[in-house]
Amino acid sequence: MATKKASADKATRRKHAEEVFAALGFFVQGFERVVSSLRGHCTEMVMGFKRGISFDPAFPYAVAMTAHIKISAMIFHHDAITARPLLDLWRALIFENAKAIPNLSENGRKYRRILLRKSLRNFLL
């Protein structure tokens, strides 16, 4: 025969289990959000969005760009790419983009100087 103490312990354990499962559910949801954000950010970096290349849906070739985005995103949605390799890839992409920025800006400065010289020559002639 169950006593009041045993039934109270059972109710306490059940309440505690519900709280633990709720906390675990919140953790899993948050974790999945982080992984999804990493996938999206990696796809954007592979596409070149952080290097001044943008995607405009009004662009005439938007259908082709959408296909290119899907192909680039496919890499990061493979079953083998779990959270840890995805984080490693994201870090590598961040570092490679950071190393490329000075080169891109230096090339941009050179290109601007060349354009300025050409435009001055054309203006003076």
C-alpha atoms as a PDB file:
ATOM      1  CA  MET A   1       0.000   0.000   0.000  1.00  0.00           C
ATOM      2  CA  ALA A   2       1.366   3.385  -1.010  1.00  0.00           C
ATOM      3  CA  THR A   3       1.849   5.884   1.717  1.00  0.00           C
ATOM      4  CA  LYS A   4       1.412   9.633   1.520  1.00  0.00           C
ATOM      5  CA  LYS A   5       5.181  10.096   1.649  1.00  0.00           C
ATOM      6  CA  ALA A   6       5.754   7.713  -1.298  1.00  0.00           C
ATOM      7  CA  SER A   7       3.100   9.433  -3.426  1.00  0.00           C
ATOM      8  CA  ALA A   8       4.548  12.855  -2.518  1.00  0.00           C
ATOM      9  CA  ASP A   9       8.026  11.614  -3.538  1.00  0.00           C
ATOM     10  CA  LYS A  10       6.581  10.333  -6.806  1.00  0.00           C
ATOM     11  CA  ALA A  11       4.947  13.696  -7.529  1.00  0.00           C
ATOM     12  CA  THR A  12       8.192  15.528  -6.678  1.00  0.00           C
ATOM     13  CA  ARG A  13      10.216  13.248  -8.963  1.00  0.00           C
ATOM     14  CA  ARG A  14       7.700  13.711 -11.769  1.00  0.00           C
ATOM     15  CA  LYS A  15       7.808  17.512 -11.394  1.00  0.00           C
ATOM     16  CA  HIS A  16      11.606  17.438 -11.336  1.00  0.00           C
ATOM     17  CA  ALA A  17      11.712  15.209 -14.449  1.00  0.00           C
ATOM     18  CA  GLU A  18       9.364  17.589 -16.291  1.00  0.00           C
ATOM     19  CA  GLU A  19      11.612  20.551 -15.415  1.00  0.00           C
ATOM     20  CA  VAL A  20      14.732  18.683 -16.549  1.00  0.00           C
ATOM     21  CA  PHE A  21      13.131  17.655 -19.859  1.00  0.00           C
ATOM     22  CA  ALA A  22      11.889  21.213 -20.434  1.00  0.00           C
ATOM     23  CA  ALA A  23      15.390  22.583 -19.813  1.00  0.00           C
ATOM     24  CA  LEU A  24      16.862  19.968 -22.142  1.00  0.00           C
ATOM     25  CA  GLY A  25      14.332  20.934 -24.827  1.00  0.00           C
ATOM     26  CA  PHE A  26      15.282  24.618 -24.536  1.00  0.00           C
ATOM     27  CA  PHE A  27      18.970  23.695 -24.802  1.00  0.00           C
ATOM     28  CA  VAL A  28      18.408  21.589 -27.928  1.00  0.00           C
ATOM     29  CA  GLN A  29      16.374  24.374 -29.564  1.00  0.00           C
ATOM     30  CA  GLY A  30      19.088  26.926 -28.826  1.00  0.00           C
ATOM     31  CA  PHE A  31      21.808  24.584 -30.050  1.00  0.00           C
ATOM     32  CA  GLU A  32      19.961  23.937 -33.312  1.00  0.00           C
ATOM     33  CA  ARG A  33      19.534  27.703 -33.802  1.00  0.00           C
ATOM     34  CA  VAL A  34      23.283  28.206 -33.387  1.00  0.00           C
ATOM     35  CA  VAL A  35      24.098  25.404 -35.850  1.00  0.00           C
ATOM     36  CA  SER A  36      21.598  26.807 -38.355  1.00  0.00           C
ATOM     37  CA  SER A  37      23.144  30.273 -38.033  1.00  0.00           C
ATOM     38  CA  LEU A  38      26.624  28.830 -38.564  1.00  0.00           C
ATOM     39  CA  ARG A  39      25.446  27.032 -41.701  1.00  0.00           C
ATOM     40  CA  GLY A  40      23.902  30.214 -43.061  1.00  0.00           C
ATOM     41  CA  HIS A  41      26.951  32.318 -42.259  1.00  0.00           C
ATOM     42  CA  CYS A  42      29.332  29.774 -43.838  1.00  0.00           C
ATOM     43  CA  THR A  43      27.196  29.719 -46.979  1.00  0.00           C
ATOM     44  CA  GLU A  44      27.245  33.520 -47.145  1.00  0.00           C
ATOM     45  CA  MET A  45      31.022  33.626 -46.781  1.00  0.00           C
ATOM     46  CA  VAL A  46      31.527  30.992 -49.477  1.00  0.00           C
ATOM     47  CA  MET A  47      29.245  33.034 -51.739  1.00  0.00           C
ATOM     48  CA  GLY A  48      31.355  36.140 -51.100  1.00  0.00           C
ATOM     49  CA  PHE A  49      28.758  38.215 -49.250  1.00  0.00           C
ATOM     50  CA  LYS A  50      31.315  39.485 -46.725  1.00  0.00           C
ATOM     51  CA  ARG A  51      33.670  40.638 -49.491  1.00  0.00           C
ATOM     52  CA  GLY A  52      31.318  43.104 -51.121  1.00  0.00           C
ATOM     53  CA  ILE A  53      29.399  40.669 -53.311  1.00  0.00           C
ATOM     54  CA  SER A  54      25.703  40.946 -52.612  1.00  0.00           C
ATOM     55  CA  PHE A  55      22.628  39.104 -53.785  1.00  0.00           C
ATOM     56  CA  ASP A  56      19.807  41.247 -55.109  1.00  0.00           C
ATOM     57  CA  PRO A  57      16.542  39.378 -55.813  1.00  0.00           C
ATOM     58  CA  ALA A  58      15.687  42.030 -58.430  1.00  0.00           C
ATOM     59  CA  PHE A  59      18.851  41.142 -60.352  1.00  0.00           C
ATOM     60  CA  PRO A  60      17.976  39.655 -63.775  1.00  0.00           C
ATOM     61  CA  TYR A  61      19.943  36.486 -63.041  1.00  0.00           C
ATOM     62  CA  ALA A  62      18.352  35.902 -59.623  1.00  0.00           C
ATOM     63  CA  VAL A  63      17.280  32.373 -60.583  1.00  0.00           C
ATOM     64  CA  ALA A  64      20.873  31.424 -61.369  1.00  0.00           C
ATOM     65  CA  MET A  65      22.064  33.035 -58.132  1.00  0.00           C
ATOM     66  CA  THR A  66      19.449  31.105 -56.157  1.00  0.00           C
ATOM     67  CA  ALA A  67      20.737  27.859 -57.665  1.00  0.00           C
ATOM     68  CA  HIS A  68      24.301  28.887 -56.778  1.00  0.00           C
ATOM     69  CA  ILE A  69      23.248  29.603 -53.191  1.00  0.00           C
ATOM     70  CA  LYS A  70      21.616  26.173 -52.938  1.00  0.00           C
ATOM     71  CA  ILE A  71      24.737  24.471 -54.282  1.00  0.00           C
ATOM     72  CA  SER A  72      26.946  26.394 -51.835  1.00  0.00           C
ATOM     73  CA  ALA A  73      24.650  25.579 -48.922  1.00  0.00           C
ATOM     74  CA  MET A  74      24.524  21.881 -49.809  1.00  0.00           C
ATOM     75  CA  ILE A  75      28.066  21.412 -48.517  1.00  0.00           C
ATOM     76  CA  PHE A  76      27.144  22.550 -45.019  1.00  0.00           C
ATOM     77  CA  HIS A  77      23.951  20.461 -44.779  1.00  0.00           C
ATOM     78  CA  HIS A  78      25.609  17.075 -45.328  1.00  0.00           C
ATOM     79  CA  ASP A  79      25.210  14.463 -42.571  1.00  0.00           C
ATOM     80  CA  ALA A  80      28.975  14.359 -42.039  1.00  0.00           C
ATOM     81  CA  ILE A  81      29.070  18.058 -41.124  1.00  0.00           C
ATOM     82  CA  THR A  82      28.148  18.007 -37.470  1.00  0.00           C
ATOM     83  CA  ALA A  83      28.495  20.959 -35.108  1.00  0.00           C
ATOM     84  CA  ARG A  84      32.223  20.589 -34.432  1.00  0.00           C
ATOM     85  CA  PRO A  85      33.423  20.404 -38.079  1.00  0.00           C
ATOM     86  CA  LEU A  86      30.986  23.194 -38.940  1.00  0.00           C
ATOM     87  CA  LEU A  87      32.501  25.399 -36.242  1.00  0.00           C
ATOM     88  CA  ASP A  88      36.012  24.587 -37.488  1.00  0.00           C
ATOM     89  CA  LEU A  89      35.022  25.459 -41.067  1.00  0.00           C
ATOM     90  CA  TRP A  90      33.382  28.707 -39.895  1.00  0.00           C
ATOM     91  CA  ARG A  91      36.547  29.716 -38.014  1.00  0.00           C
ATOM     92  CA  ALA A  92      38.721  28.919 -41.042  1.00  0.00           C
ATOM     93  CA  LEU A  93      36.450  30.966 -43.319  1.00  0.00           C
ATOM     94  CA  ILE A  94      36.546  33.903 -40.887  1.00  0.00           C
ATOM     95  CA  PHE A  95      40.361  33.828 -40.748  1.00  0.00           C
ATOM     96  CA  GLU A  96      40.755  33.454 -44.521  1.00  0.00           C
ATOM     97  CA  ASN A  97      38.369  36.359 -45.137  1.00  0.00           C
ATOM     98  CA  ALA A  98      40.225  38.461 -42.578  1.00  0.00           C
ATOM     99  CA  LYS A  99      43.548  37.680 -44.302  1.00  0.00           C
ATOM    100  CA  ALA A 100      42.045  38.549 -47.703  1.00  0.00           C
ATOM    101  CA  ILE A 101      40.677  41.964 -46.704  1.00  0.00           C
ATOM    102  CA  PRO A 102      44.032  43.842 -46.775  1.00  0.00           C
ATOM    103  CA  ASN A 103      44.804  42.347 -50.197  1.00  0.00           C
ATOM    104  CA  LEU A 104      41.390  43.268 -51.504  1.00  0.00           C
ATOM    105  CA  SER A 105      41.635  46.796 -50.165  1.00  0.00           C
ATOM    106  CA  GLU A 106      45.187  47.182 -51.547  1.00  0.00           C
ATOM    107  CA  ASN A 107      44.045  45.994 -54.963  1.00  0.00           C
ATOM    108  CA  GLY A 108      41.127  48.379 -54.692  1.00  0.00           C
ATOM    109  CA  ARG A 109      43.493  51.283 -53.976  1.00  0.00           C
ATOM    110  CA  LYS A 110      45.671  50.364 -56.966  1.00  0.00           C
ATOM    111  CA  TYR A 111      42.642  50.115 -59.211  1.00  0.00           C
ATOM    112  CA  ARG A 112      41.337  53.503 -58.034  1.00  0.00           C
ATOM    113  CA  ARG A 113      44.737  55.088 -58.705  1.00  0.00           C
ATOM    114  CA  ILE A 114      44.805  53.631 -62.227  1.00  0.00           C
ATOM    115  CA  LEU A 115      41.283  54.856 -62.897  1.00  0.00           C
ATOM    116  CA  LEU A 116      42.106  58.290 -61.516  1.00  0.00           C
ATOM    117  CA  ARG A 117      45.192  58.567 -63.727  1.00  0.00           C
ATOM    118  CA  LYS A 118      43.225  57.506 -66.810  1.00  0.00           C
ATOM    119  CA  SER A 119      40.402  59.903 -66.044  1.00  0.00           C
ATOM    120  CA  LEU A 120      42.874  62.779 -65.445  1.00  0.00           C
ATOM    121  CA  ARG A 121      44.638  61.999 -68.724  1.00  0.00           C
ATOM    122  CA  ASN A 122      41.347  61.964 -70.576  1.00  0.00           C
ATOM    123  CA  PHE A 123      40.313  65.192 -68.882  1.00  0.00           C
ATOM    124  CA  LEU A 124      43.577  66.981 -69.698  1.00  0.00           C
ATOM    125  CA  LEU A 125      43.732  65.788 -73.310  1.00  0.00           C
END
